[in-house]
């Protein structure tokens, strides 16, 4: 298993693609998922890029430092991973809290990022009250109690019926997540607000929304695209986990953006 050890925790990562001069692309998963949420993107893009995926602290096979966390903690984890792997610059694609992490990186370490894809995210996701209430519910009832409601937030009813196995696999990632890891990220989301800092992002940005996403709406992604210096926005069919629900279209837009001059 490929891991890097940090002072308070370890990060599990995976690299796909040949060891050539192809550009690096780093994927950053959503809250309650692991690096396998990007399997359909890796299958398509690993011929043109070297791909780095990792499990956020408290998720997948990474270890779980004591909560709470903040957004800077999550961003510095990425920088530590890039440093350890001697990756000077990378394209970056993040979904939900992964998209917030990408925004933090572009604001605070933009020289390490080439092109930035922000998917199903926002500069401010939800409210402090909503995340504290979510954390309280998880502490009382566990992550399994969120499964049905999460299915409806993450996937459209049609996709849930047509692709039940795929949906089940993604929801299994949620229930396998460390409770402390989930709570730590809820704390980060309760405090994260980059709305006033978006204008500092110089990297080219593609913002991708799910048309039916009530968590991070198309308006949230349009706000990001119009606030950064060089952004564009596209909406695809689906809800929050749009890279899975509209994988083929997501991959087409991703490739076109990453290969543009």
C-alpha atoms as a PDB file:
ATOM      1  CA  UNK A   1       0.000   0.000   0.000  1.00  0.00           C
ATOM      2  CA  UNK A   2       1.367   3.438  -0.951  1.00  0.00           C
ATOM      3  CA  UNK A   3       1.274   5.857   1.985  1.00  0.00           C
ATOM      4  CA  UNK A   4       3.113   8.905   3.227  1.00  0.00           C
ATOM      5  CA  UNK A   5       3.490   9.433   6.953  1.00  0.00           C
ATOM      6  CA  UNK A   6       2.836  12.872   8.389  1.00  0.00           C
ATOM      7  CA  UNK A   7       3.226  13.942  12.039  1.00  0.00           C
ATOM      8  CA  UNK A   8      -0.399  13.238  13.003  1.00  0.00           C
ATOM      9  CA  UNK A   9      -1.603  10.814  10.334  1.00  0.00           C
ATOM     10  CA  UNK A  10      -0.827   8.911   7.145  1.00  0.00           C
ATOM     11  CA  UNK A  11      -2.241   9.478   3.656  1.00  0.00           C
ATOM     12  CA  UNK A  12      -2.973   6.611   1.289  1.00  0.00           C
ATOM     13  CA  UNK A  13      -2.473   7.426  -2.381  1.00  0.00           C
ATOM     14  CA  UNK A  14      -2.427   5.766  -5.781  1.00  0.00           C
ATOM     15  CA  UNK A  15      -0.728   6.697  -9.061  1.00  0.00           C
ATOM     16  CA  UNK A  16      -2.029   5.605 -12.469  1.00  0.00           C
ATOM     17  CA  UNK A  17      -0.547   6.131 -15.929  1.00  0.00           C
ATOM     18  CA  UNK A  18       2.931   5.580 -17.427  1.00  0.00           C
ATOM     19  CA  UNK A  19       6.058   7.068 -15.988  1.00  0.00           C
ATOM     20  CA  UNK A  20       6.556   9.549 -18.835  1.00  0.00           C
ATOM     21  CA  UNK A  21       6.525  13.290 -19.316  1.00  0.00           C
ATOM     22  CA  UNK A  22       2.733  13.380 -19.302  1.00  0.00           C
ATOM     23  CA  UNK A  23       1.235  16.124 -17.130  1.00  0.00           C
ATOM     24  CA  UNK A  24       0.114  15.330 -13.608  1.00  0.00           C
ATOM     25  CA  UNK A  25      -3.566  15.364 -12.679  1.00  0.00           C
ATOM     26  CA  UNK A  26      -4.612  15.128  -9.020  1.00  0.00           C
ATOM     27  CA  UNK A  27      -8.137  14.084  -7.998  1.00  0.00           C
ATOM     28  CA  UNK A  28      -9.647  15.033  -4.633  1.00  0.00           C
ATOM     29  CA  UNK A  29     -12.772  13.202  -3.473  1.00  0.00           C
ATOM     30  CA  UNK A  30     -15.939  14.377  -1.765  1.00  0.00           C
ATOM     31  CA  UNK A  31     -16.901  14.041   1.882  1.00  0.00           C
ATOM     32  CA  UNK A  32     -17.654  10.417   2.710  1.00  0.00           C
ATOM     33  CA  UNK A  33     -16.019   8.823  -0.343  1.00  0.00           C
ATOM     34  CA  UNK A  34     -12.600   7.417  -1.174  1.00  0.00           C
ATOM     35  CA  UNK A  35     -10.275   7.604  -4.166  1.00  0.00           C
ATOM     36  CA  UNK A  36     -12.298   5.009  -6.072  1.00  0.00           C
ATOM     37  CA  UNK A  37     -15.022   7.572  -6.756  1.00  0.00           C
ATOM     38  CA  UNK A  38     -12.779   8.632  -9.665  1.00  0.00           C
ATOM     39  CA  UNK A  39     -12.402   5.186 -11.254  1.00  0.00           C
ATOM     40  CA  UNK A  40     -14.310   6.149 -14.416  1.00  0.00           C
ATOM     41  CA  UNK A  41     -12.181   9.260 -14.880  1.00  0.00           C
ATOM     42  CA  UNK A  42      -8.932   7.364 -14.375  1.00  0.00           C
ATOM     43  CA  UNK A  43      -9.890   4.759 -16.949  1.00  0.00           C
ATOM     44  CA  UNK A  44     -10.373   7.510 -19.525  1.00  0.00           C
ATOM     45  CA  UNK A  45      -7.593   9.957 -18.642  1.00  0.00           C
ATOM     46  CA  UNK A  46      -4.692   7.732 -17.620  1.00  0.00           C
ATOM     47  CA  UNK A  47      -3.558   7.474 -21.258  1.00  0.00           C
ATOM     48  CA  UNK A  48      -2.955  11.234 -21.434  1.00  0.00           C
ATOM     49  CA  UNK A  49      -2.012  12.056 -17.815  1.00  0.00           C
ATOM     50  CA  UNK A  50      -0.206  10.679 -14.812  1.00  0.00           C
ATOM     51  CA  UNK A  51      -2.929  10.557 -12.228  1.00  0.00           C
ATOM     52  CA  UNK A  52      -2.565  10.980  -8.495  1.00  0.00           C
ATOM     53  CA  UNK A  53      -5.496  10.040  -6.250  1.00  0.00           C
ATOM     54  CA  UNK A  54      -5.512   9.950  -2.485  1.00  0.00           C
ATOM     55  CA  UNK A  55      -7.815   9.289   0.444  1.00  0.00           C
ATOM     56  CA  UNK A  56      -8.431  12.416   2.489  1.00  0.00           C
ATOM     57  CA  UNK A  57      -7.535  12.179   6.198  1.00  0.00           C
ATOM     58  CA  UNK A  58     -10.162  10.088   7.956  1.00  0.00           C
ATOM     59  CA  UNK A  59     -11.340   8.494   4.693  1.00  0.00           C
ATOM     60  CA  UNK A  60     -10.584   5.264   2.849  1.00  0.00           C
ATOM     61  CA  UNK A  61      -7.234   3.769   3.824  1.00  0.00           C
ATOM     62  CA  UNK A  62      -5.770   6.982   5.247  1.00  0.00           C
ATOM     63  CA  UNK A  63      -5.542   7.264   9.003  1.00  0.00           C
ATOM     64  CA  UNK A  64      -7.651   9.568  11.150  1.00  0.00           C
ATOM     65  CA  UNK A  65      -6.126  12.349  13.230  1.00  0.00           C
ATOM     66  CA  UNK A  66      -8.279  13.714  16.029  1.00  0.00           C
ATOM     67  CA  UNK A  67     -10.921  16.203  14.877  1.00  0.00           C
ATOM     68  CA  UNK A  68     -11.659  19.028  14.297  1.00  0.00           C
ATOM     69  CA  UNK A  69      -9.953  19.937  10.999  1.00  0.00           C
ATOM     70  CA  UNK A  70      -9.975  23.121   8.975  1.00  0.00           C
ATOM     71  CA  UNK A  71      -9.708  23.711   5.254  1.00  0.00           C
ATOM     72  CA  UNK A  72      -6.049  24.669   5.567  1.00  0.00           C
ATOM     73  CA  UNK A  73      -5.312  21.262   7.099  1.00  0.00           C
ATOM     74  CA  UNK A  74      -6.827  19.573   4.053  1.00  0.00           C
ATOM     75  CA  UNK A  75      -4.943  21.803   1.629  1.00  0.00           C
ATOM     76  CA  UNK A  76      -1.624  21.309   3.388  1.00  0.00           C
ATOM     77  CA  UNK A  77      -2.150  17.544   3.184  1.00  0.00           C
ATOM     78  CA  UNK A  78      -2.178  17.889  -0.609  1.00  0.00           C
ATOM     79  CA  UNK A  79       0.982  19.999  -0.574  1.00  0.00           C
ATOM     80  CA  UNK A  80       2.733  17.458   1.658  1.00  0.00           C
ATOM     81  CA  UNK A  81       1.765  14.694  -0.741  1.00  0.00           C
ATOM     82  CA  UNK A  82       3.031  16.664  -3.761  1.00  0.00           C
ATOM     83  CA  UNK A  83       6.283  17.467  -1.960  1.00  0.00           C
ATOM     84  CA  UNK A  84       6.896  13.867  -0.923  1.00  0.00           C
ATOM     85  CA  UNK A  85       6.242  12.641  -4.475  1.00  0.00           C
ATOM     86  CA  UNK A  86       8.346  15.464  -5.959  1.00  0.00           C
ATOM     87  CA  UNK A  87       5.474  16.806  -8.044  1.00  0.00           C
ATOM     88  CA  UNK A  88       6.195  20.459  -8.731  1.00  0.00           C
ATOM     89  CA  UNK A  89       2.923  21.293 -10.507  1.00  0.00           C
ATOM     90  CA  UNK A  90      -0.312  19.464 -11.213  1.00  0.00           C
ATOM     91  CA  UNK A  91      -3.724  19.951 -12.737  1.00  0.00           C
ATOM     92  CA  UNK A  92      -6.308  19.480  -9.988  1.00  0.00           C
ATOM     93  CA  UNK A  93      -9.887  18.218  -9.999  1.00  0.00           C
ATOM     94  CA  UNK A  94     -11.937  18.197  -6.807  1.00  0.00           C
ATOM     95  CA  UNK A  95     -15.590  17.523  -6.043  1.00  0.00           C
ATOM     96  CA  UNK A  96     -17.547  19.104  -3.171  1.00  0.00           C
ATOM     97  CA  UNK A  97     -15.107  19.476  -0.244  1.00  0.00           C
ATOM     98  CA  UNK A  98     -12.470  18.407  -2.766  1.00  0.00           C
ATOM     99  CA  UNK A  99     -13.424  21.443  -4.856  1.00  0.00           C
ATOM    100  CA  UNK A 100     -13.085  23.660  -1.794  1.00  0.00           C
ATOM    101  CA  UNK A 101      -9.644  22.155  -1.223  1.00  0.00           C
ATOM    102  CA  UNK A 102      -8.741  23.034  -4.804  1.00  0.00           C
ATOM    103  CA  UNK A 103      -9.887  26.616  -4.278  1.00  0.00           C
ATOM    104  CA  UNK A 104      -7.757  26.858  -1.122  1.00  0.00           C
ATOM    105  CA  UNK A 105      -4.745  25.549  -3.023  1.00  0.00           C
ATOM    106  CA  UNK A 106      -5.181  28.051  -5.856  1.00  0.00           C
ATOM    107  CA  UNK A 107      -5.520  30.928  -3.380  1.00  0.00           C
ATOM    108  CA  UNK A 108      -2.628  29.892  -1.123  1.00  0.00           C
ATOM    109  CA  UNK A 109      -0.302  27.879  -3.382  1.00  0.00           C
ATOM    110  CA  UNK A 110      -1.389  28.739  -6.906  1.00  0.00           C
ATOM    111  CA  UNK A 111       2.113  28.168  -8.234  1.00  0.00           C
ATOM    112  CA  UNK A 112       1.666  24.413  -7.585  1.00  0.00           C
ATOM    113  CA  UNK A 113      -1.567  24.187  -9.615  1.00  0.00           C
ATOM    114  CA  UNK A 114      -1.934  24.439 -13.385  1.00  0.00           C
ATOM    115  CA  UNK A 115      -5.587  24.032 -14.382  1.00  0.00           C
ATOM    116  CA  UNK A 116      -8.284  23.732 -11.726  1.00  0.00           C
ATOM    117  CA  UNK A 117     -11.561  21.830 -12.084  1.00  0.00           C
ATOM    118  CA  UNK A 118     -14.119  22.562  -9.367  1.00  0.00           C
ATOM    119  CA  UNK A 119     -17.038  20.150  -9.496  1.00  0.00           C
ATOM    120  CA  UNK A 120     -20.275  20.121  -7.479  1.00  0.00           C
ATOM    121  CA  UNK A 121     -18.758  22.538  -5.007  1.00  0.00           C
ATOM    122  CA  UNK A 122     -19.067  26.122  -3.823  1.00  0.00           C
ATOM    123  CA  UNK A 123     -16.971  28.824  -2.219  1.00  0.00           C
ATOM    124  CA  UNK A 124     -19.205  28.359   0.832  1.00  0.00           C
ATOM    125  CA  UNK A 125     -21.023  25.024   1.147  1.00  0.00           C
ATOM    126  CA  UNK A 126     -24.072  25.140   3.400  1.00  0.00           C
ATOM    127  CA  UNK A 127     -24.006  26.966   6.726  1.00  0.00           C
ATOM    128  CA  UNK A 128     -22.178  26.526   9.993  1.00  0.00           C
ATOM    129  CA  UNK A 129     -25.454  25.506  11.598  1.00  0.00           C
ATOM    130  CA  UNK A 130     -26.213  22.847   8.997  1.00  0.00           C
ATOM    131  CA  UNK A 131     -22.779  21.227   9.342  1.00  0.00           C
ATOM    132  CA  UNK A 132     -22.880  21.290  13.123  1.00  0.00           C
ATOM    133  CA  UNK A 133     -26.325  19.689  12.993  1.00  0.00           C
ATOM    134  CA  UNK A 134     -25.004  17.023  10.597  1.00  0.00           C
ATOM    135  CA  UNK A 135     -22.088  16.313  12.926  1.00  0.00           C
ATOM    136  CA  UNK A 136     -24.431  16.010  15.902  1.00  0.00           C
ATOM    137  CA  UNK A 137     -26.648  13.543  14.008  1.00  0.00           C
ATOM    138  CA  UNK A 138     -23.631  11.422  13.037  1.00  0.00           C
ATOM    139  CA  UNK A 139     -22.353  11.373  16.615  1.00  0.00           C
ATOM    140  CA  UNK A 140     -25.743  10.167  17.829  1.00  0.00           C
ATOM    141  CA  UNK A 141     -26.745   7.769  15.058  1.00  0.00           C
ATOM    142  CA  UNK A 142     -23.638   6.880  13.007  1.00  0.00           C
ATOM    143  CA  UNK A 143     -23.053   7.232   9.276  1.00  0.00           C
ATOM    144  CA  UNK A 144     -25.353   4.355   8.324  1.00  0.00           C
ATOM    145  CA  UNK A 145     -28.340   6.478   9.296  1.00  0.00           C
ATOM    146  CA  UNK A 146     -27.408   8.957   6.536  1.00  0.00           C
ATOM    147  CA  UNK A 147     -27.386   6.382   3.744  1.00  0.00           C
ATOM    148  CA  UNK A 148     -30.887   6.795   2.279  1.00  0.00           C
ATOM    149  CA  UNK A 149     -30.950  10.591   2.452  1.00  0.00           C
ATOM    150  CA  UNK A 150     -27.452  10.717   0.989  1.00  0.00           C
ATOM    151  CA  UNK A 151     -28.522   8.573  -1.962  1.00  0.00           C
ATOM    152  CA  UNK A 152     -31.145  11.184  -2.825  1.00  0.00           C
ATOM    153  CA  UNK A 153     -28.733  14.089  -2.421  1.00  0.00           C
ATOM    154  CA  UNK A 154     -26.040  12.428  -4.492  1.00  0.00           C
ATOM    155  CA  UNK A 155     -27.983  10.746  -7.326  1.00  0.00           C
ATOM    156  CA  UNK A 156     -31.180  11.327  -9.282  1.00  0.00           C
ATOM    157  CA  UNK A 157     -34.032   8.813  -8.851  1.00  0.00           C
ATOM    158  CA  UNK A 158     -33.546   7.584 -12.419  1.00  0.00           C
ATOM    159  CA  UNK A 159     -29.847   6.896 -11.873  1.00  0.00           C
ATOM    160  CA  UNK A 160     -30.561   5.158  -8.572  1.00  0.00           C
ATOM    161  CA  UNK A 161     -32.914   2.777 -10.375  1.00  0.00           C
ATOM    162  CA  UNK A 162     -30.830   2.265 -13.508  1.00  0.00           C
ATOM    163  CA  UNK A 163     -27.431   1.948 -11.796  1.00  0.00           C
ATOM    164  CA  UNK A 164     -28.279   0.497  -8.398  1.00  0.00           C
ATOM    165  CA  UNK A 165     -24.983  -1.395  -8.098  1.00  0.00           C
ATOM    166  CA  UNK A 166     -22.906   1.697  -8.825  1.00  0.00           C
ATOM    167  CA  UNK A 167     -24.916   3.752  -6.356  1.00  0.00           C
ATOM    168  CA  UNK A 168     -24.518   1.054  -3.711  1.00  0.00           C
ATOM    169  CA  UNK A 169     -20.759   0.981  -4.191  1.00  0.00           C
ATOM    170  CA  UNK A 170     -20.483   4.740  -3.651  1.00  0.00           C
ATOM    171  CA  UNK A 171     -22.750   4.654  -0.598  1.00  0.00           C
ATOM    172  CA  UNK A 172     -20.628   1.848   0.848  1.00  0.00           C
ATOM    173  CA  UNK A 173     -17.728   4.328   0.829  1.00  0.00           C
ATOM    174  CA  UNK A 174     -19.798   6.607   3.054  1.00  0.00           C
ATOM    175  CA  UNK A 175     -20.624   3.967   5.640  1.00  0.00           C
ATOM    176  CA  UNK A 176     -16.980   2.798   5.690  1.00  0.00           C
ATOM    177  CA  UNK A 177     -15.698   6.297   6.508  1.00  0.00           C
ATOM    178  CA  UNK A 178     -14.250   6.945   9.944  1.00  0.00           C
ATOM    179  CA  UNK A 179     -16.775   8.804  12.087  1.00  0.00           C
ATOM    180  CA  UNK A 180     -14.014  11.013  13.497  1.00  0.00           C
ATOM    181  CA  UNK A 181     -12.799  11.720   9.958  1.00  0.00           C
ATOM    182  CA  UNK A 182     -16.294  12.695   8.894  1.00  0.00           C
ATOM    183  CA  UNK A 183     -16.773  14.893  11.966  1.00  0.00           C
ATOM    184  CA  UNK A 184     -13.426  16.566  11.384  1.00  0.00           C
ATOM    185  CA  UNK A 185     -14.421  17.479   7.838  1.00  0.00           C
ATOM    186  CA  UNK A 186     -17.831  18.729   8.998  1.00  0.00           C
ATOM    187  CA  UNK A 187     -15.933  21.142  11.248  1.00  0.00           C
ATOM    188  CA  UNK A 188     -13.831  22.287   8.291  1.00  0.00           C
ATOM    189  CA  UNK A 189     -16.943  22.828   6.168  1.00  0.00           C
ATOM    190  CA  UNK A 190     -18.652  24.751   8.974  1.00  0.00           C
ATOM    191  CA  UNK A 191     -15.866  27.350   8.867  1.00  0.00           C
ATOM    192  CA  UNK A 192     -14.749  27.357   5.213  1.00  0.00           C
ATOM    193  CA  UNK A 193     -15.726  30.458   3.235  1.00  0.00           C
ATOM    194  CA  UNK A 194     -13.667  31.525   0.225  1.00  0.00           C
ATOM    195  CA  UNK A 195     -16.190  33.869  -1.407  1.00  0.00           C
ATOM    196  CA  UNK A 196     -14.030  36.933  -0.796  1.00  0.00           C
ATOM    197  CA  UNK A 197     -10.861  35.214  -2.019  1.00  0.00           C
ATOM    198  CA  UNK A 198     -11.970  33.834  -5.384  1.00  0.00           C
ATOM    199  CA  UNK A 199     -10.732  36.933  -7.229  1.00  0.00           C
ATOM    200  CA  UNK A 200      -7.192  35.975  -6.211  1.00  0.00           C
ATOM    201  CA  UNK A 201      -7.313  32.763  -8.291  1.00  0.00           C
ATOM    202  CA  UNK A 202      -5.242  33.153 -11.470  1.00  0.00           C
ATOM    203  CA  UNK A 203      -5.402  29.520 -12.607  1.00  0.00           C
ATOM    204  CA  UNK A 204      -7.738  28.629 -15.474  1.00  0.00           C
ATOM    205  CA  UNK A 205     -10.887  27.217 -13.860  1.00  0.00           C
ATOM    206  CA  UNK A 206     -13.603  24.909 -15.137  1.00  0.00           C
ATOM    207  CA  UNK A 207     -16.629  24.749 -12.829  1.00  0.00           C
ATOM    208  CA  UNK A 208     -18.897  21.721 -13.378  1.00  0.00           C
ATOM    209  CA  UNK A 209     -22.336  21.517 -11.782  1.00  0.00           C
ATOM    210  CA  UNK A 210     -25.028  18.867 -11.680  1.00  0.00           C
ATOM    211  CA  UNK A 211     -28.313  20.228 -13.012  1.00  0.00           C
ATOM    212  CA  UNK A 212     -30.304  18.713 -10.148  1.00  0.00           C
ATOM    213  CA  UNK A 213     -27.750  19.250  -7.374  1.00  0.00           C
ATOM    214  CA  UNK A 214     -29.411  20.884  -4.365  1.00  0.00           C
ATOM    215  CA  UNK A 215     -26.207  20.707  -2.294  1.00  0.00           C
ATOM    216  CA  UNK A 216     -24.006  22.818  -4.581  1.00  0.00           C
ATOM    217  CA  UNK A 217     -26.312  24.336  -7.155  1.00  0.00           C
ATOM    218  CA  UNK A 218     -25.471  25.451 -10.685  1.00  0.00           C
ATOM    219  CA  UNK A 219     -25.687  29.017  -9.351  1.00  0.00           C
ATOM    220  CA  UNK A 220     -22.886  28.208  -6.867  1.00  0.00           C
ATOM    221  CA  UNK A 221     -20.629  27.008  -9.670  1.00  0.00           C
ATOM    222  CA  UNK A 222     -21.540  29.943 -11.901  1.00  0.00           C
ATOM    223  CA  UNK A 223     -20.574  32.279  -9.043  1.00  0.00           C
ATOM    224  CA  UNK A 224     -17.129  30.651  -8.884  1.00  0.00           C
ATOM    225  CA  UNK A 225     -16.610  30.818 -12.656  1.00  0.00           C
ATOM    226  CA  UNK A 226     -17.599  34.480 -12.805  1.00  0.00           C
ATOM    227  CA  UNK A 227     -15.537  35.456  -9.723  1.00  0.00           C
ATOM    228  CA  UNK A 228     -12.159  34.000 -10.708  1.00  0.00           C
ATOM    229  CA  UNK A 229     -10.042  35.709 -13.335  1.00  0.00           C
ATOM    230  CA  UNK A 230     -10.299  32.985 -15.971  1.00  0.00           C
ATOM    231  CA  UNK A 231     -13.299  30.727 -15.420  1.00  0.00           C
ATOM    232  CA  UNK A 232     -16.057  28.953 -17.285  1.00  0.00           C
ATOM    233  CA  UNK A 233     -19.044  26.926 -16.121  1.00  0.00           C
ATOM    234  CA  UNK A 234     -20.862  23.916 -17.555  1.00  0.00           C
ATOM    235  CA  UNK A 235     -23.894  22.061 -16.194  1.00  0.00           C
ATOM    236  CA  UNK A 236     -24.338  18.317 -16.726  1.00  0.00           C
ATOM    237  CA  UNK A 237     -27.278  15.984 -15.995  1.00  0.00           C
ATOM    238  CA  UNK A 238     -27.323  14.566 -12.487  1.00  0.00           C
ATOM    239  CA  UNK A 239     -27.080  15.546  -8.870  1.00  0.00           C
ATOM    240  CA  UNK A 240     -24.115  15.933  -6.523  1.00  0.00           C
ATOM    241  CA  UNK A 241     -21.803  13.076  -7.576  1.00  0.00           C
ATOM    242  CA  UNK A 242     -21.970  14.270 -11.148  1.00  0.00           C
ATOM    243  CA  UNK A 243     -18.660  12.682 -12.181  1.00  0.00           C
ATOM    244  CA  UNK A 244     -20.311   9.269 -11.654  1.00  0.00           C
ATOM    245  CA  UNK A 245     -23.837  10.048 -12.862  1.00  0.00           C
ATOM    246  CA  UNK A 246     -22.637  11.797 -16.047  1.00  0.00           C
ATOM    247  CA  UNK A 247     -19.242  10.147 -16.331  1.00  0.00           C
ATOM    248  CA  UNK A 248     -18.957  10.213 -20.128  1.00  0.00           C
ATOM    249  CA  UNK A 249     -19.830  13.896 -20.476  1.00  0.00           C
ATOM    250  CA  UNK A 250     -17.747  14.788 -17.427  1.00  0.00           C
ATOM    251  CA  UNK A 251     -14.720  13.106 -18.996  1.00  0.00           C
ATOM    252  CA  UNK A 252     -15.227  14.875 -22.324  1.00  0.00           C
ATOM    253  CA  UNK A 253     -15.353  18.321 -20.729  1.00  0.00           C
ATOM    254  CA  UNK A 254     -12.457  17.483 -18.436  1.00  0.00           C
ATOM    255  CA  UNK A 255     -10.221  16.353 -21.289  1.00  0.00           C
ATOM    256  CA  UNK A 256     -11.105  19.309 -23.486  1.00  0.00           C
ATOM    257  CA  UNK A 257     -10.323  21.745 -20.680  1.00  0.00           C
ATOM    258  CA  UNK A 258      -7.078  20.091 -19.609  1.00  0.00           C
ATOM    259  CA  UNK A 259      -5.826  19.916 -23.202  1.00  0.00           C
ATOM    260  CA  UNK A 260      -6.783  23.486 -24.134  1.00  0.00           C
ATOM    261  CA  UNK A 261      -4.101  26.118 -24.666  1.00  0.00           C
END
